[in-house]
Amino acid sequence: MPAFDSITFFNREVTLVAREVLGAEFLVDGVGGLIVETEAYHPTDPASHSYRGRTERNASMFLGPGHVYVYRSYGIHWCFNFVCADASAILIRAIEPTVGIEKMAERRGLADTRALCSGPGKLGQALAVTRAHDGLMIDAPPFQFRPAESPRPVVIGPRIGITKAADLPWRFGIAGSAFLSKAFRPASE
């Protein structure tokens, strides 16, 4: 089996990659699980941090595919993204904890496995993500990323927690997962 090439894998259209990372194993310093929910952001999208061009805050989005973009949300939570082609990014919204569950529970101060990583801020805290991770490559320590072995059934809906371009159907989840941040709304009729 050939080695994983993060640059090639992530150097594609962001909504495609956002679906394909579902079911991938993602660990930070040996702690993590399976990605179950993502959101896509493209520089033509007014909700994307790269929409207005490069800034000090979003500089990692312009380093190229396979890099990590970490930012602080509401001055409280660290949020974790994979950078794709054209300064686009995939926000990792939720994972199913599988490795280091006790460590995640300690960091989050709770025992409910389902609630450990069911949202981007919770995930950041459970995996001890900080600004120090910003700009690193996803295929190098402290990260481990292993693509899903087979496609997962996907549910698609509008992104949540944003006001600009919130109607775009760029939120993706593994259908039936108990570890999603929130239930998916039905598509508009």
C-alpha atoms as a PDB file:
ATOM      1  CA  MET A   1       0.000   0.000   0.000  1.00  0.00           C
ATOM      2  CA  PRO A   2       1.508   3.379  -1.001  1.00  0.00           C
ATOM      3  CA  ALA A   3       2.182   5.969   1.694  1.00  0.00           C
ATOM      4  CA  PHE A   4      -0.496   8.581   2.261  1.00  0.00           C
ATOM      5  CA  ASP A   5       0.241  11.811   0.362  1.00  0.00           C
ATOM      6  CA  SER A   6      -1.623  14.632   2.088  1.00  0.00           C
ATOM      7  CA  ILE A   7      -0.824  17.198  -0.598  1.00  0.00           C
ATOM      8  CA  THR A   8      -2.386  15.092  -3.359  1.00  0.00           C
ATOM      9  CA  PHE A   9      -5.336  13.993  -1.206  1.00  0.00           C
ATOM     10  CA  PHE A  10      -6.266  17.521  -0.086  1.00  0.00           C
ATOM     11  CA  ASN A  11      -5.419  19.276  -3.390  1.00  0.00           C
ATOM     12  CA  ARG A  12      -8.969  18.846  -4.642  1.00  0.00           C
ATOM     13  CA  GLU A  13     -12.338  20.577  -4.518  1.00  0.00           C
ATOM     14  CA  VAL A  14     -13.260  21.174  -0.881  1.00  0.00           C
ATOM     15  CA  THR A  15     -16.808  19.761  -0.867  1.00  0.00           C
ATOM     16  CA  LEU A  16     -15.559  16.518  -2.401  1.00  0.00           C
ATOM     17  CA  VAL A  17     -12.794  16.142   0.185  1.00  0.00           C
ATOM     18  CA  ALA A  18     -15.161  17.143   3.025  1.00  0.00           C
ATOM     19  CA  ARG A  19     -17.274  14.078   2.179  1.00  0.00           C
ATOM     20  CA  GLU A  20     -14.299  11.778   1.654  1.00  0.00           C
ATOM     21  CA  VAL A  21     -12.703  12.483   5.052  1.00  0.00           C
ATOM     22  CA  LEU A  22     -15.803  11.101   6.779  1.00  0.00           C
ATOM     23  CA  GLY A  23     -14.771   7.853   8.437  1.00  0.00           C
ATOM     24  CA  ALA A  24     -11.067   8.763   8.379  1.00  0.00           C
ATOM     25  CA  GLU A  25      -9.090   8.208  11.556  1.00  0.00           C
ATOM     26  CA  PHE A  26      -7.681  11.428  12.984  1.00  0.00           C
ATOM     27  CA  LEU A  27      -5.447  11.580  16.058  1.00  0.00           C
ATOM     28  CA  VAL A  28      -3.524  14.353  17.815  1.00  0.00           C
ATOM     29  CA  ASP A  29      -0.678  13.012  19.987  1.00  0.00           C
ATOM     30  CA  GLY A  30      -2.299   9.573  19.867  1.00  0.00           C
ATOM     31  CA  VAL A  31      -5.771  10.763  20.947  1.00  0.00           C
ATOM     32  CA  GLY A  32      -8.801  10.976  18.655  1.00  0.00           C
ATOM     33  CA  GLY A  33     -11.145   8.896  16.558  1.00  0.00           C
ATOM     34  CA  LEU A  34     -13.169   8.718  13.361  1.00  0.00           C
ATOM     35  CA  ILE A  35     -14.300  11.894  11.622  1.00  0.00           C
ATOM     36  CA  VAL A  36     -18.107  11.898  11.508  1.00  0.00           C
ATOM     37  CA  GLU A  37     -18.990  15.509  10.586  1.00  0.00           C
ATOM     38  CA  THR A  38     -17.405  18.267   8.497  1.00  0.00           C
ATOM     39  CA  GLU A  39     -18.184  21.617   6.899  1.00  0.00           C
ATOM     40  CA  ALA A  40     -16.625  23.006   3.721  1.00  0.00           C
ATOM     41  CA  TYR A  41     -15.470  26.607   3.203  1.00  0.00           C
ATOM     42  CA  HIS A  42     -14.254  28.018  -0.138  1.00  0.00           C
ATOM     43  CA  PRO A  43     -12.692  31.475  -0.740  1.00  0.00           C
ATOM     44  CA  THR A  44     -15.661  32.475  -2.961  1.00  0.00           C
ATOM     45  CA  ASP A  45     -17.915  31.836   0.058  1.00  0.00           C
ATOM     46  CA  PRO A  46     -18.446  34.901   2.310  1.00  0.00           C
ATOM     47  CA  ALA A  47     -18.426  32.648   5.405  1.00  0.00           C
ATOM     48  CA  SER A  48     -14.879  31.456   4.622  1.00  0.00           C
ATOM     49  CA  HIS A  49     -11.984  32.998   6.515  1.00  0.00           C
ATOM     50  CA  SER A  50     -10.109  33.239   3.183  1.00  0.00           C
ATOM     51  CA  TYR A  51     -12.907  35.222   1.492  1.00  0.00           C
ATOM     52  CA  ARG A  52     -11.220  38.614   1.988  1.00  0.00           C
ATOM     53  CA  GLY A  53      -7.705  37.353   1.276  1.00  0.00           C
ATOM     54  CA  ARG A  54      -4.716  36.522   3.414  1.00  0.00           C
ATOM     55  CA  THR A  55      -4.436  37.929   6.943  1.00  0.00           C
ATOM     56  CA  GLU A  56      -2.270  37.090   9.934  1.00  0.00           C
ATOM     57  CA  ARG A  57      -5.125  35.005  11.383  1.00  0.00           C
ATOM     58  CA  ASN A  58      -5.827  32.919   8.254  1.00  0.00           C
ATOM     59  CA  ALA A  59      -2.285  32.690   6.816  1.00  0.00           C
ATOM     60  CA  SER A  60      -2.244  28.890   7.155  1.00  0.00           C
ATOM     61  CA  MET A  61      -5.114  28.632   4.672  1.00  0.00           C
ATOM     62  CA  PHE A  62      -2.693  29.948   2.041  1.00  0.00           C
ATOM     63  CA  LEU A  63       0.164  27.501   2.776  1.00  0.00           C
ATOM     64  CA  GLY A  64      -1.306  24.868   0.479  1.00  0.00           C
ATOM     65  CA  PRO A  65      -3.217  21.598   0.660  1.00  0.00           C
ATOM     66  CA  GLY A  66      -2.434  19.229   3.515  1.00  0.00           C
ATOM     67  CA  HIS A  67      -1.762  21.950   6.072  1.00  0.00           C
ATOM     68  CA  VAL A  68      -3.757  22.527   9.234  1.00  0.00           C
ATOM     69  CA  TYR A  69      -5.621  25.752   9.955  1.00  0.00           C
ATOM     70  CA  VAL A  70      -6.467  26.378  13.615  1.00  0.00           C
ATOM     71  CA  TYR A  71      -8.341  29.436  14.795  1.00  0.00           C
ATOM     72  CA  ARG A  72      -9.993  30.655  17.976  1.00  0.00           C
ATOM     73  CA  SER A  73     -13.789  30.888  17.860  1.00  0.00           C
ATOM     74  CA  TYR A  74     -15.525  33.462  20.057  1.00  0.00           C
ATOM     75  CA  GLY A  75     -12.211  33.951  21.881  1.00  0.00           C
ATOM     76  CA  ILE A  76     -12.781  30.621  23.650  1.00  0.00           C
ATOM     77  CA  HIS A  77     -12.639  27.499  21.463  1.00  0.00           C
ATOM     78  CA  TRP A  78      -9.857  26.275  19.178  1.00  0.00           C
ATOM     79  CA  CYS A  79     -11.304  24.992  15.903  1.00  0.00           C
ATOM     80  CA  PHE A  80      -9.460  22.574  13.612  1.00  0.00           C
ATOM     81  CA  ASN A  81      -9.472  22.600   9.792  1.00  0.00           C
ATOM     82  CA  PHE A  82      -7.794  20.745   6.938  1.00  0.00           C
ATOM     83  CA  VAL A  83      -6.600  23.039   4.128  1.00  0.00           C
ATOM     84  CA  CYS A  84      -7.597  22.024   0.594  1.00  0.00           C
ATOM     85  CA  ALA A  85      -7.018  23.484  -2.879  1.00  0.00           C
ATOM     86  CA  ASP A  86      -7.338  27.242  -3.454  1.00  0.00           C
ATOM     87  CA  ALA A  87      -7.179  28.321   0.225  1.00  0.00           C
ATOM     88  CA  SER A  88     -10.345  26.386   1.017  1.00  0.00           C
ATOM     89  CA  ALA A  89     -10.751  24.489   4.281  1.00  0.00           C
ATOM     90  CA  ILE A  90     -12.707  21.729   5.964  1.00  0.00           C
ATOM     91  CA  LEU A  91     -13.848  22.406   9.513  1.00  0.00           C
ATOM     92  CA  ILE A  92     -13.827  19.186  11.517  1.00  0.00           C
ATOM     93  CA  ARG A  93     -17.121  19.476  13.413  1.00  0.00           C
ATOM     94  CA  ALA A  94     -17.225  16.108  15.198  1.00  0.00           C
ATOM     95  CA  ILE A  95     -15.435  12.809  15.676  1.00  0.00           C
ATOM     96  CA  GLU A  96     -16.410   9.499  17.195  1.00  0.00           C
ATOM     97  CA  PRO A  97     -13.872   8.998  20.007  1.00  0.00           C
ATOM     98  CA  THR A  98     -12.003   5.694  19.687  1.00  0.00           C
ATOM     99  CA  VAL A  99      -8.471   6.258  21.034  1.00  0.00           C
ATOM    100  CA  GLY A 100      -7.540   7.972  24.308  1.00  0.00           C
ATOM    101  CA  ILE A 101     -11.115   8.301  25.523  1.00  0.00           C
ATOM    102  CA  GLU A 102     -10.022   8.626  29.170  1.00  0.00           C
ATOM    103  CA  LYS A 103      -7.661  11.478  28.256  1.00  0.00           C
ATOM    104  CA  MET A 104     -10.432  13.239  26.308  1.00  0.00           C
ATOM    105  CA  ALA A 105     -12.868  12.807  29.227  1.00  0.00           C
ATOM    106  CA  GLU A 106     -10.305  14.283  31.603  1.00  0.00           C
ATOM    107  CA  ARG A 107      -9.701  17.286  29.335  1.00  0.00           C
ATOM    108  CA  ARG A 108     -13.430  17.895  28.886  1.00  0.00           C
ATOM    109  CA  GLY A 109     -14.388  17.143  32.503  1.00  0.00           C
ATOM    110  CA  LEU A 110     -17.143  14.700  31.565  1.00  0.00           C
ATOM    111  CA  ALA A 111     -17.660  11.005  31.026  1.00  0.00           C
ATOM    112  CA  ASP A 112     -20.308  10.900  28.277  1.00  0.00           C
ATOM    113  CA  THR A 113     -18.335   9.546  25.303  1.00  0.00           C
ATOM    114  CA  ARG A 114     -20.975  10.796  22.871  1.00  0.00           C
ATOM    115  CA  ALA A 115     -20.536  14.391  24.076  1.00  0.00           C
ATOM    116  CA  LEU A 116     -16.716  14.467  24.106  1.00  0.00           C
ATOM    117  CA  CYS A 117     -16.152  15.614  20.511  1.00  0.00           C
ATOM    118  CA  SER A 118     -19.663  16.498  19.262  1.00  0.00           C
ATOM    119  CA  GLY A 119     -18.848  20.016  18.090  1.00  0.00           C
ATOM    120  CA  PRO A 120     -15.773  21.865  16.845  1.00  0.00           C
ATOM    121  CA  GLY A 121     -14.988  23.565  20.186  1.00  0.00           C
ATOM    122  CA  LYS A 122     -15.516  20.368  22.160  1.00  0.00           C
ATOM    123  CA  LEU A 123     -13.306  18.478  19.707  1.00  0.00           C
ATOM    124  CA  GLY A 124     -10.551  21.096  20.038  1.00  0.00           C
ATOM    125  CA  GLN A 125     -10.606  20.835  23.828  1.00  0.00           C
ATOM    126  CA  ALA A 126     -10.758  17.010  23.856  1.00  0.00           C
ATOM    127  CA  LEU A 127      -7.772  16.749  21.483  1.00  0.00           C
ATOM    128  CA  ALA A 128      -5.848  19.577  23.216  1.00  0.00           C
ATOM    129  CA  VAL A 129      -5.664  21.573  19.970  1.00  0.00           C
ATOM    130  CA  THR A 130      -3.995  24.982  20.280  1.00  0.00           C
ATOM    131  CA  ARG A 131      -2.627  27.717  18.033  1.00  0.00           C
ATOM    132  CA  ALA A 132       0.691  25.812  18.135  1.00  0.00           C
ATOM    133  CA  HIS A 133      -0.864  23.282  15.714  1.00  0.00           C
ATOM    134  CA  ASP A 134      -1.714  25.970  13.148  1.00  0.00           C
ATOM    135  CA  GLY A 135       0.242  25.641   9.900  1.00  0.00           C
ATOM    136  CA  LEU A 136       1.559  22.110  10.506  1.00  0.00           C
ATOM    137  CA  MET A 137       1.163  19.327   7.955  1.00  0.00           C
ATOM    138  CA  ILE A 138      -1.576  16.781   8.631  1.00  0.00           C
ATOM    139  CA  ASP A 139       0.670  13.830   7.735  1.00  0.00           C
ATOM    140  CA  ALA A 140       3.393  14.685  10.280  1.00  0.00           C
ATOM    141  CA  PRO A 141       3.566  14.477  14.093  1.00  0.00           C
ATOM    142  CA  PRO A 142       1.732  15.215  16.289  1.00  0.00           C
ATOM    143  CA  PHE A 143      -1.016  14.182  13.847  1.00  0.00           C
ATOM    144  CA  GLN A 144      -2.038  10.826  12.476  1.00  0.00           C
ATOM    145  CA  PHE A 145      -4.482  10.802   9.592  1.00  0.00           C
ATOM    146  CA  ARG A 146      -5.623   7.606   7.911  1.00  0.00           C
ATOM    147  CA  PRO A 147      -8.250   7.908   5.152  1.00  0.00           C
ATOM    148  CA  ALA A 148     -11.388   5.822   5.411  1.00  0.00           C
ATOM    149  CA  GLU A 149     -11.035   2.411   3.811  1.00  0.00           C
ATOM    150  CA  SER A 150     -14.427   2.705   2.125  1.00  0.00           C
ATOM    151  CA  PRO A 151     -17.016   5.448   1.552  1.00  0.00           C
ATOM    152  CA  ARG A 152     -19.566   6.009   4.314  1.00  0.00           C
ATOM    153  CA  PRO A 153     -23.259   6.812   3.833  1.00  0.00           C
ATOM    154  CA  VAL A 154     -23.415  10.609   3.891  1.00  0.00           C
ATOM    155  CA  VAL A 155     -26.106  13.020   5.014  1.00  0.00           C
ATOM    156  CA  ILE A 156     -25.853  16.568   3.633  1.00  0.00           C
ATOM    157  CA  GLY A 157     -27.306  19.804   4.934  1.00  0.00           C
ATOM    158  CA  PRO A 158     -26.751  23.517   5.410  1.00  0.00           C
ATOM    159  CA  ARG A 159     -23.882  24.659   7.612  1.00  0.00           C
ATOM    160  CA  ILE A 160     -24.682  25.702  11.177  1.00  0.00           C
ATOM    161  CA  GLY A 161     -23.433  28.355  13.571  1.00  0.00           C
ATOM    162  CA  ILE A 162     -22.849  30.945  10.824  1.00  0.00           C
ATOM    163  CA  THR A 163     -24.863  33.793   9.335  1.00  0.00           C
ATOM    164  CA  LYS A 164     -23.258  34.304   5.907  1.00  0.00           C
ATOM    165  CA  ALA A 165     -24.067  31.770   3.176  1.00  0.00           C
ATOM    166  CA  ALA A 166     -25.672  29.551   5.813  1.00  0.00           C
ATOM    167  CA  ASP A 167     -27.990  28.020   3.212  1.00  0.00           C
ATOM    168  CA  LEU A 168     -25.176  26.317   1.279  1.00  0.00           C
ATOM    169  CA  PRO A 169     -25.477  22.521   1.658  1.00  0.00           C
ATOM    170  CA  TRP A 170     -21.827  22.175   2.678  1.00  0.00           C
ATOM    171  CA  ARG A 171     -22.232  20.327   5.978  1.00  0.00           C
ATOM    172  CA  PHE A 172     -21.564  16.593   5.727  1.00  0.00           C
ATOM    173  CA  GLY A 173     -22.037  13.783   8.225  1.00  0.00           C
ATOM    174  CA  ILE A 174     -22.004  10.035   8.466  1.00  0.00           C
ATOM    175  CA  ALA A 175     -25.653   9.018   8.227  1.00  0.00           C
ATOM    176  CA  GLY A 176     -26.941   7.568  11.494  1.00  0.00           C
ATOM    177  CA  SER A 177     -23.901   8.515  13.580  1.00  0.00           C
ATOM    178  CA  ALA A 178     -24.663   9.105  17.265  1.00  0.00           C
ATOM    179  CA  PHE A 179     -21.634  11.425  17.483  1.00  0.00           C
ATOM    180  CA  LEU A 180     -22.783  14.346  15.284  1.00  0.00           C
ATOM    181  CA  SER A 181     -22.801  17.843  16.780  1.00  0.00           C
ATOM    182  CA  LYS A 182     -26.476  18.358  15.870  1.00  0.00           C
ATOM    183  CA  ALA A 183     -29.096  16.549  13.834  1.00  0.00           C
ATOM    184  CA  PHE A 184     -29.250  17.451  10.157  1.00  0.00           C
ATOM    185  CA  ARG A 185     -32.237  19.543   9.054  1.00  0.00           C
ATOM    186  CA  PRO A 186     -34.220  18.198   6.130  1.00  0.00           C
ATOM    187  CA  ALA A 187     -33.447  19.861   2.813  1.00  0.00           C
ATOM    188  CA  SER A 188     -35.677  22.796   1.838  1.00  0.00           C
ATOM    189  CA  GLU A 189     -38.604  21.816  -0.339  1.00  0.00           C
END
